């Protein structure tokens, strides 16, 4: 069990990726999610936090004329735990 000592703030990021059939939907979202996780961790560390709680991500796929735009949203709360 951890104790939350402080809450430096809310963190979020948004990633956009255009697909033209070269990548499968799953591999694209998986790759973007990993990069997004790294970005959120960097943002938390910049605020002086050492953990993220309430982390979640979601995505939207917008398609037209054989092309897709995938938008991935990530968010959480940066906290200092002990």
C-alpha atoms as a PDB file:
ATOM      1  CA  UNK A   1       0.000   0.000   0.000  1.00  0.00           C
ATOM      2  CA  UNK A   2       1.235   3.473  -0.875  1.00  0.00           C
ATOM      3  CA  UNK A   3       0.526   6.814   0.736  1.00  0.00           C
ATOM      4  CA  UNK A   4      -0.117   9.793  -1.553  1.00  0.00           C
ATOM      5  CA  UNK A   5       1.965  12.679  -0.221  1.00  0.00           C
ATOM      6  CA  UNK A   6       1.026  15.300  -2.828  1.00  0.00           C
ATOM      7  CA  UNK A   7      -0.812  15.731  -6.112  1.00  0.00           C
ATOM      8  CA  UNK A   8       1.252  17.917  -8.474  1.00  0.00           C
ATOM      9  CA  UNK A   9      -1.435  17.884 -11.158  1.00  0.00           C
ATOM     10  CA  UNK A  10      -3.477  16.431 -13.967  1.00  0.00           C
ATOM     11  CA  UNK A  11      -1.574  15.296 -17.065  1.00  0.00           C
ATOM     12  CA  UNK A  12      -2.809  14.517 -20.550  1.00  0.00           C
ATOM     13  CA  UNK A  13      -1.660  14.071 -24.117  1.00  0.00           C
ATOM     14  CA  UNK A  14      -3.208  13.553 -27.548  1.00  0.00           C
ATOM     15  CA  UNK A  15      -1.618  11.704 -30.463  1.00  0.00           C
ATOM     16  CA  UNK A  16      -2.710  11.718 -34.108  1.00  0.00           C
ATOM     17  CA  UNK A  17      -1.741   9.124 -36.694  1.00  0.00           C
ATOM     18  CA  UNK A  18      -2.784   8.844 -40.354  1.00  0.00           C
ATOM     19  CA  UNK A  19      -3.047   5.351 -41.806  1.00  0.00           C
ATOM     20  CA  UNK A  20      -3.147   4.424 -45.465  1.00  0.00           C
ATOM     21  CA  UNK A  21      -3.333   0.643 -45.109  1.00  0.00           C
ATOM     22  CA  UNK A  22       0.368   0.066 -44.340  1.00  0.00           C
ATOM     23  CA  UNK A  23      -0.236  -0.709 -40.654  1.00  0.00           C
ATOM     24  CA  UNK A  24      -2.914  -2.715 -38.945  1.00  0.00           C
ATOM     25  CA  UNK A  25      -5.182  -0.823 -36.599  1.00  0.00           C
ATOM     26  CA  UNK A  26      -4.020  -2.782 -33.518  1.00  0.00           C
ATOM     27  CA  UNK A  27      -0.297  -2.345 -34.084  1.00  0.00           C
ATOM     28  CA  UNK A  28      -0.786   1.370 -34.686  1.00  0.00           C
ATOM     29  CA  UNK A  29      -2.738   1.949 -31.478  1.00  0.00           C
ATOM     30  CA  UNK A  30      -0.322  -0.256 -29.503  1.00  0.00           C
ATOM     31  CA  UNK A  31       2.704   1.679 -30.775  1.00  0.00           C
ATOM     32  CA  UNK A  32       1.079   5.052 -30.136  1.00  0.00           C
ATOM     33  CA  UNK A  33      -0.024   3.979 -26.658  1.00  0.00           C
ATOM     34  CA  UNK A  34       3.556   3.066 -25.682  1.00  0.00           C
ATOM     35  CA  UNK A  35       4.892   6.416 -26.900  1.00  0.00           C
ATOM     36  CA  UNK A  36       2.021   8.191 -25.171  1.00  0.00           C
ATOM     37  CA  UNK A  37       2.806   6.384 -21.896  1.00  0.00           C
ATOM     38  CA  UNK A  38       6.406   7.571 -22.137  1.00  0.00           C
ATOM     39  CA  UNK A  39       5.261  11.159 -22.740  1.00  0.00           C
ATOM     40  CA  UNK A  40       2.859  11.075 -19.771  1.00  0.00           C
ATOM     41  CA  UNK A  41       5.605   9.686 -17.524  1.00  0.00           C
ATOM     42  CA  UNK A  42       7.939  12.487 -18.632  1.00  0.00           C
ATOM     43  CA  UNK A  43       5.238  15.068 -17.856  1.00  0.00           C
ATOM     44  CA  UNK A  44       4.683  13.543 -14.403  1.00  0.00           C
ATOM     45  CA  UNK A  45       8.414  13.584 -13.661  1.00  0.00           C
ATOM     46  CA  UNK A  46       8.644  17.236 -14.761  1.00  0.00           C
ATOM     47  CA  UNK A  47       6.000  18.052 -12.151  1.00  0.00           C
ATOM     48  CA  UNK A  48       8.057  16.264  -9.483  1.00  0.00           C
ATOM     49  CA  UNK A  49       5.749  13.240  -9.304  1.00  0.00           C
ATOM     50  CA  UNK A  50       6.883   9.626  -9.060  1.00  0.00           C
ATOM     51  CA  UNK A  51       3.617   7.905 -10.051  1.00  0.00           C
ATOM     52  CA  UNK A  52       0.456   8.302 -12.120  1.00  0.00           C
ATOM     53  CA  UNK A  53      -2.967   7.292 -10.814  1.00  0.00           C
ATOM     54  CA  UNK A  54      -6.285   7.175 -12.610  1.00  0.00           C
ATOM     55  CA  UNK A  55      -4.466   6.546 -15.880  1.00  0.00           C
ATOM     56  CA  UNK A  56      -6.615   5.823 -18.880  1.00  0.00           C
ATOM     57  CA  UNK A  57      -6.539   6.122 -22.616  1.00  0.00           C
ATOM     58  CA  UNK A  58      -9.104   6.087 -25.376  1.00  0.00           C
ATOM     59  CA  UNK A  59      -8.990   6.328 -29.126  1.00  0.00           C
ATOM     60  CA  UNK A  60     -11.117   7.305 -32.091  1.00  0.00           C
ATOM     61  CA  UNK A  61     -10.804   6.071 -35.662  1.00  0.00           C
ATOM     62  CA  UNK A  62     -12.069   8.397 -38.382  1.00  0.00           C
ATOM     63  CA  UNK A  63     -12.101   6.842 -41.870  1.00  0.00           C
ATOM     64  CA  UNK A  64     -12.796   8.216 -45.326  1.00  0.00           C
ATOM     65  CA  UNK A  65     -11.820   7.192 -48.858  1.00  0.00           C
ATOM     66  CA  UNK A  66      -9.493   4.379 -47.761  1.00  0.00           C
ATOM     67  CA  UNK A  67      -7.567   6.464 -45.248  1.00  0.00           C
ATOM     68  CA  UNK A  68      -7.895   6.578 -41.488  1.00  0.00           C
ATOM     69  CA  UNK A  69      -7.032   9.097 -38.811  1.00  0.00           C
ATOM     70  CA  UNK A  70      -6.498   7.565 -35.392  1.00  0.00           C
ATOM     71  CA  UNK A  71      -6.621   9.892 -32.397  1.00  0.00           C
ATOM     72  CA  UNK A  72      -5.350   8.515 -29.084  1.00  0.00           C
ATOM     73  CA  UNK A  73      -6.018  10.388 -25.824  1.00  0.00           C
ATOM     74  CA  UNK A  74      -4.182   9.661 -22.588  1.00  0.00           C
ATOM     75  CA  UNK A  75      -4.725  11.154 -19.133  1.00  0.00           C
ATOM     76  CA  UNK A  76      -4.052  10.641 -15.479  1.00  0.00           C
ATOM     77  CA  UNK A  77      -3.127  12.358 -12.243  1.00  0.00           C
ATOM     78  CA  UNK A  78       0.533  12.849 -11.344  1.00  0.00           C
ATOM     79  CA  UNK A  79       1.175  12.068  -7.670  1.00  0.00           C
ATOM     80  CA  UNK A  80       4.036  11.738  -5.215  1.00  0.00           C
ATOM     81  CA  UNK A  81       3.786   8.459  -3.335  1.00  0.00           C
ATOM     82  CA  UNK A  82       5.785   7.035  -0.465  1.00  0.00           C
END
